[in-house]
Amino acid sequence: MPQKSLNEAEIEELWRQYLMGGETAVRQRHIFRILPGSPRCLSCFAPFGGAGGMVTRLIYGKIPSNLNPHLCNICEQFAREYQGGAEIELALLFADVRGSTTLAESMAPVEYSKLINRFYDTATEIMVKSDALIDKIIGDQVAGMYVPGFVGPDYTLRAIDAAKALLRATGHGAQSLPWIPIGIGVHTGRAFVGSVGSQSGAVDITVLGDVPNTAARLSSAAAVGEILVSETAAMMAKLRIDDLERRELMLKGKSEAVAVYVVNSADTLEYA
């Protein structure tokens, strides 16, 4: 159905159904995530390479989009034909490489590229396994969206657990130094999720609003090996906070302090 036959409200409802539990979308993501292959579509998880990529090409007709190599042709077509989105509740995980400028200066460009790609691959694998939509892979930052329709009612808890898994996978908390130093922010709330286009005709599925801005600021404020979980996210996940450090941060662009709880790789988290 071409976009011109749908009004704004109908497009919004289409996105809401997709994001909040479209049965076909959820089923396909669960199938695609167990197929081997890399890289993947950041929306439906269809692999582009390896044996899994052959399966998705032959059976589902999925190949990398010509306009956006991070999306398959089918997800890109949906996002382009139905440009718009819906406001939904979700959790967000932002992970930043700490001191990336210093790292880049101390390494040969090829070696730095390999390090960052290893970080992207590690983060993407964890987010795929935890059913996140991968929002951004830019520069030294990765962001994942934990949408209730894909992840389930414990979407904020899943985001926090994925953040812990990412710390472990990058070597934080081990006897030696991490192979890449990162800080992570987790926040939850209501935001706009949908497609955003460019003049070139490419589209991205992204999240917009104060909630992602806050999550990004939290990841920037986190020290190496820290997860800053907003108080809102901690309450939503029913995280037991008795033994966690609490801070109030003045984040750039925010008029009021944001309360957070500090989680480290060694912390054993409990939920009510």
Protein backbone atom coordinates (compact mmCIF):
# COMPACT_ATOMS: atom_id res chain seq x y z
CA MET A 1 0.00 0.00 0.00
CA PRO A 2 1.65 3.29 -1.06
CA GLN A 3 2.13 5.96 1.53
CA LYS A 4 -0.04 8.55 -0.25
CA SER A 5 -3.17 6.48 0.48
CA LEU A 6 -2.57 6.72 4.24
CA ASN A 7 -3.06 9.80 6.36
CA GLU A 8 -0.80 10.78 9.26
CA ALA A 9 -2.96 9.07 11.88
CA GLU A 10 -3.03 5.81 9.87
CA ILE A 11 0.75 5.84 9.45
CA GLU A 12 1.15 6.44 13.18
CA GLU A 13 -1.11 3.48 13.94
CA LEU A 14 0.86 1.30 11.50
CA TRP A 15 4.09 2.13 13.33
CA ARG A 16 2.46 1.61 16.71
CA GLN A 17 1.35 -1.89 15.69
CA TYR A 18 4.85 -2.67 14.38
CA LEU A 19 6.57 -1.40 17.54
CA MET A 20 4.15 -2.62 20.18
CA GLY A 21 3.85 -6.25 19.28
CA GLY A 22 3.28 -6.93 15.60
CA GLU A 23 3.27 -10.75 15.65
CA THR A 24 4.90 -11.19 12.25
CA ALA A 25 7.72 -8.73 13.03
CA VAL A 26 8.48 -10.36 16.38
CA ARG A 27 8.43 -13.87 14.90
CA GLN A 28 10.80 -12.93 12.07
CA ARG A 29 13.25 -11.21 14.44
CA HIS A 30 13.38 -14.32 16.62
CA ILE A 31 14.11 -16.44 13.54
CA PHE A 32 16.70 -14.10 12.04
CA ARG A 33 18.66 -13.60 15.25
CA ILE A 34 19.53 -17.31 15.49
CA LEU A 35 20.77 -17.48 11.89
CA PRO A 36 24.57 -17.11 11.63
CA GLY A 37 26.01 -14.24 9.66
CA SER A 38 27.25 -10.67 9.88
CA PRO A 39 26.59 -7.79 9.37
CA ARG A 40 22.83 -7.66 10.00
CA CYS A 41 19.82 -5.46 9.37
CA LEU A 42 19.56 -3.30 12.48
CA SER A 43 15.77 -3.53 12.43
CA CYS A 44 14.80 -7.14 11.69
CA PHE A 45 18.21 -8.78 12.43
CA ALA A 46 18.36 -10.50 9.03
CA PRO A 47 22.00 -11.50 8.40
CA PHE A 48 23.59 -10.30 5.15
CA GLY A 49 26.62 -12.59 5.18
CA GLY A 50 27.45 -16.21 5.85
CA ALA A 51 25.07 -19.15 5.67
CA GLY A 52 22.32 -17.12 7.33
CA GLY A 53 22.62 -14.43 4.69
CA MET A 54 22.08 -17.02 1.97
CA VAL A 55 18.92 -18.23 3.72
CA THR A 56 17.44 -14.74 4.09
CA ARG A 57 18.23 -13.90 0.46
CA LEU A 58 16.73 -17.08 -1.00
CA ILE A 59 13.67 -17.42 1.25
CA TYR A 60 12.85 -13.85 2.27
CA GLY A 61 14.45 -11.81 -0.51
CA LYS A 62 16.37 -9.70 2.00
CA ILE A 63 19.58 -7.98 0.91
CA PRO A 64 21.34 -4.83 2.12
CA SER A 65 19.52 -1.68 1.07
CA ASN A 66 21.23 0.35 -1.66
CA LEU A 67 20.45 3.54 0.28
CA ASN A 68 21.22 2.40 3.81
CA PRO A 69 23.54 -0.60 4.26
CA HIS A 70 22.47 -0.89 7.92
CA LEU A 71 18.94 -1.89 6.87
CA CYS A 72 17.72 -4.68 4.63
CA ASN A 73 15.87 -3.70 1.47
CA ILE A 74 12.48 -4.64 2.95
CA CYS A 75 12.87 -2.72 6.24
CA GLU A 76 14.26 0.26 4.33
CA GLN A 77 11.29 0.15 1.94
CA PHE A 78 8.80 0.09 4.85
CA ALA A 79 10.55 3.02 6.54
CA ARG A 80 10.67 5.00 3.28
CA GLU A 81 7.05 4.32 2.21
CA TYR A 82 5.62 5.05 5.64
CA GLN A 83 7.76 7.92 6.84
CA GLY A 84 6.53 8.81 10.29
CA GLY A 85 6.33 6.97 13.56
CA ALA A 86 4.67 6.79 16.95
CA GLU A 87 5.30 7.91 20.52
CA ILE A 88 5.87 4.89 22.75
CA GLU A 89 7.35 3.94 26.10
CA LEU A 90 10.78 2.32 25.78
CA ALA A 91 14.18 1.96 27.40
CA LEU A 92 17.42 3.15 25.83
CA LEU A 93 20.99 1.99 26.21
CA PHE A 94 23.79 4.29 25.02
CA ALA A 95 27.43 3.14 25.20
CA ASP A 96 30.38 5.48 24.56
CA VAL A 97 34.07 4.76 24.16
CA ARG A 98 35.93 6.80 26.78
CA GLY A 99 38.96 8.77 25.62
CA SER A 100 38.49 7.82 21.97
CA THR A 101 40.53 10.83 20.78
CA THR A 102 43.50 9.80 22.92
CA LEU A 103 43.12 6.20 21.76
CA ALA A 104 43.08 7.25 18.12
CA GLU A 105 46.23 9.36 18.59
CA SER A 106 48.10 6.46 20.19
CA MET A 107 47.29 3.89 17.50
CA ALA A 108 47.74 3.47 13.77
CA PRO A 109 44.50 4.30 11.90
CA VAL A 110 44.06 0.69 10.75
CA GLU A 111 44.49 -0.67 14.28
CA TYR A 112 42.07 1.92 15.69
CA SER A 113 39.53 0.98 13.02
CA LYS A 114 39.85 -2.70 13.98
CA LEU A 115 39.33 -1.83 17.66
CA ILE A 116 36.21 0.22 17.00
CA ASN A 117 34.80 -2.45 14.68
CA ARG A 118 35.39 -5.06 17.39
CA PHE A 119 33.44 -2.83 19.80
CA TYR A 120 30.60 -2.45 17.28
CA ASP A 121 30.47 -6.21 16.66
CA THR A 122 30.47 -6.97 20.39
CA ALA A 123 27.76 -4.42 21.19
CA THR A 124 25.63 -5.46 18.23
CA GLU A 125 25.78 -9.14 19.20
CA ILE A 126 24.65 -8.37 22.76
CA MET A 127 21.85 -6.08 21.60
CA VAL A 128 20.61 -8.60 19.03
CA LYS A 129 20.52 -11.34 21.69
CA SER A 130 18.55 -9.01 24.00
CA ASP A 131 16.03 -8.13 21.22
CA ALA A 132 16.93 -4.42 21.00
CA LEU A 133 16.43 -2.30 17.92
CA ILE A 134 19.89 -0.91 17.18
CA ASP A 135 19.43 2.81 16.76
CA LYS A 136 22.91 4.16 16.05
CA ILE A 137 26.41 2.97 15.31
CA ILE A 138 28.23 6.26 14.89
CA GLY A 139 31.80 7.28 15.66
CA ASP A 140 32.54 5.88 19.10
CA GLN A 141 28.94 5.37 20.22
CA VAL A 142 26.35 2.59 20.00
CA ALA A 143 22.70 2.95 20.99
CA GLY A 144 19.95 0.37 21.39
CA MET A 145 16.18 0.75 21.76
CA TYR A 146 14.33 -1.69 24.01
CA VAL A 147 10.79 -1.58 22.65
CA PRO A 148 8.06 -3.39 24.65
CA GLY A 149 6.56 -5.00 21.56
CA PHE A 150 9.86 -6.74 20.73
CA VAL A 151 11.38 -7.23 24.17
CA GLY A 152 8.34 -7.75 26.42
CA PRO A 153 7.12 -6.00 29.58
CA ASP A 154 10.54 -6.22 31.28
CA TYR A 155 12.12 -4.01 28.60
CA THR A 156 13.95 -1.73 31.08
CA LEU A 157 15.34 -4.68 33.03
CA ARG A 158 16.55 -6.18 29.74
CA ALA A 159 18.35 -2.92 28.87
CA ILE A 160 20.14 -2.87 32.25
CA ASP A 161 21.13 -6.54 31.94
CA ALA A 162 22.43 -5.90 28.41
CA ALA A 163 24.50 -2.99 29.72
CA LYS A 164 26.05 -5.30 32.31
CA ALA A 165 26.76 -7.91 29.62
CA LEU A 166 28.47 -5.26 27.47
CA LEU A 167 30.74 -4.25 30.36
CA ARG A 168 31.74 -7.88 30.88
CA ALA A 169 32.27 -8.48 27.15
CA THR A 170 34.63 -5.48 26.89
CA GLY A 171 36.74 -6.70 29.79
CA HIS A 172 35.59 -4.40 32.57
CA GLY A 173 35.93 -5.96 35.99
CA ALA A 174 38.50 -8.52 34.89
CA GLN A 175 41.99 -8.73 36.39
CA SER A 176 43.46 -6.89 33.41
CA LEU A 177 42.40 -3.57 31.89
CA PRO A 178 39.43 -3.59 29.48
CA TRP A 179 40.35 -4.02 25.86
CA ILE A 180 38.28 -0.89 25.19
CA PRO A 181 37.16 1.59 27.88
CA ILE A 182 33.44 2.41 27.80
CA GLY A 183 30.75 4.15 29.84
CA ILE A 184 27.04 3.38 29.54
CA GLY A 185 23.77 5.21 30.20
CA VAL A 186 20.32 3.62 30.58
CA HIS A 187 17.12 5.67 30.67
CA THR A 188 13.45 4.97 30.08
CA GLY A 189 10.43 7.04 29.12
CA ARG A 190 8.24 8.13 26.24
CA ALA A 191 9.82 9.02 22.90
CA PHE A 192 9.12 9.15 19.17
CA VAL A 193 10.29 6.11 17.22
CA GLY A 194 10.01 6.07 13.45
CA SER A 195 11.71 6.80 10.15
CA VAL A 196 13.68 9.91 9.33
CA GLY A 197 14.72 10.60 5.74
CA SER A 198 17.53 12.57 4.12
CA GLN A 199 17.81 14.51 0.86
CA SER A 200 19.65 11.55 -0.67
CA GLY A 201 16.56 9.38 -0.21
CA ALA A 202 18.09 7.25 2.55
CA VAL A 203 16.06 6.64 5.69
CA ASP A 204 16.87 5.53 9.20
CA ILE A 205 14.71 4.09 11.96
CA THR A 206 15.58 6.20 14.96
CA VAL A 207 14.35 7.60 18.28
CA LEU A 208 13.83 11.28 19.00
CA GLY A 209 13.00 13.38 22.03
CA ASP A 210 14.20 14.22 25.52
CA VAL A 211 14.52 10.58 26.61
CA PRO A 212 17.23 9.61 24.06
CA ASN A 213 19.00 12.93 24.66
CA THR A 214 19.11 12.18 28.38
CA ALA A 215 20.34 8.60 27.81
CA ALA A 216 23.13 9.93 25.57
CA ARG A 217 24.14 12.51 28.21
CA LEU A 218 24.23 9.79 30.86
CA SER A 219 26.58 7.65 28.78
CA SER A 220 28.87 10.66 28.31
CA ALA A 221 28.85 11.33 32.07
CA ALA A 222 29.65 7.72 33.01
CA ALA A 223 33.23 6.93 34.02
CA VAL A 224 35.09 3.97 32.53
CA GLY A 225 33.32 0.79 33.56
CA GLU A 226 30.22 2.57 34.90
CA ILE A 227 26.56 2.21 33.97
CA LEU A 228 24.51 5.25 34.98
CA VAL A 229 20.90 4.07 35.37
CA SER A 230 18.41 6.91 35.68
CA GLU A 231 16.15 6.82 38.71
CA THR A 232 13.20 6.49 36.34
CA ALA A 233 14.73 3.40 34.73
CA ALA A 234 15.67 1.91 38.11
CA MET A 235 12.11 2.28 39.34
CA MET A 236 10.64 0.88 36.13
CA ALA A 237 12.92 -2.17 36.32
CA LYS A 238 12.16 -2.58 40.06
CA LEU A 239 15.89 -2.55 40.65
CA ARG A 240 16.91 -2.96 44.30
CA ILE A 241 18.89 0.21 44.96
CA ASP A 242 19.87 -0.14 48.64
CA ASP A 243 23.52 -0.93 47.92
CA LEU A 244 23.96 1.29 44.86
CA GLU A 245 25.59 4.72 44.80
CA ARG A 246 23.12 7.52 44.03
CA ARG A 247 24.15 10.72 42.25
CA GLU A 248 22.38 13.83 41.05
CA LEU A 249 23.83 15.13 37.80
CA MET A 250 23.39 18.42 35.97
CA LEU A 251 23.43 17.25 32.37
CA LYS A 252 23.99 19.54 29.41
CA GLY A 253 20.69 20.89 28.12
CA LYS A 254 18.72 19.84 31.22
CA SER A 255 17.18 22.49 33.49
CA GLU A 256 17.04 20.18 36.51
CA ALA A 257 19.37 17.60 38.01
CA VAL A 258 18.88 13.99 36.92
CA ALA A 259 19.06 11.35 39.66
CA VAL A 260 20.99 8.20 38.73
CA TYR A 261 22.23 4.98 40.30
CA VAL A 262 25.74 3.77 39.56
CA VAL A 263 26.20 0.15 38.49
CA ASN A 264 29.61 -1.44 38.02
CA SER A 265 30.54 -4.75 36.43
CA ALA A 266 31.13 -6.34 39.84
CA ASP A 267 27.69 -5.43 41.18
CA THR A 268 25.19 -8.24 41.61
CA LEU A 269 21.84 -6.74 40.71
CA GLU A 270 18.59 -7.77 42.30
CA TYR A 271 15.07 -6.91 41.18
CA ALA A 272 11.90 -6.80 43.23
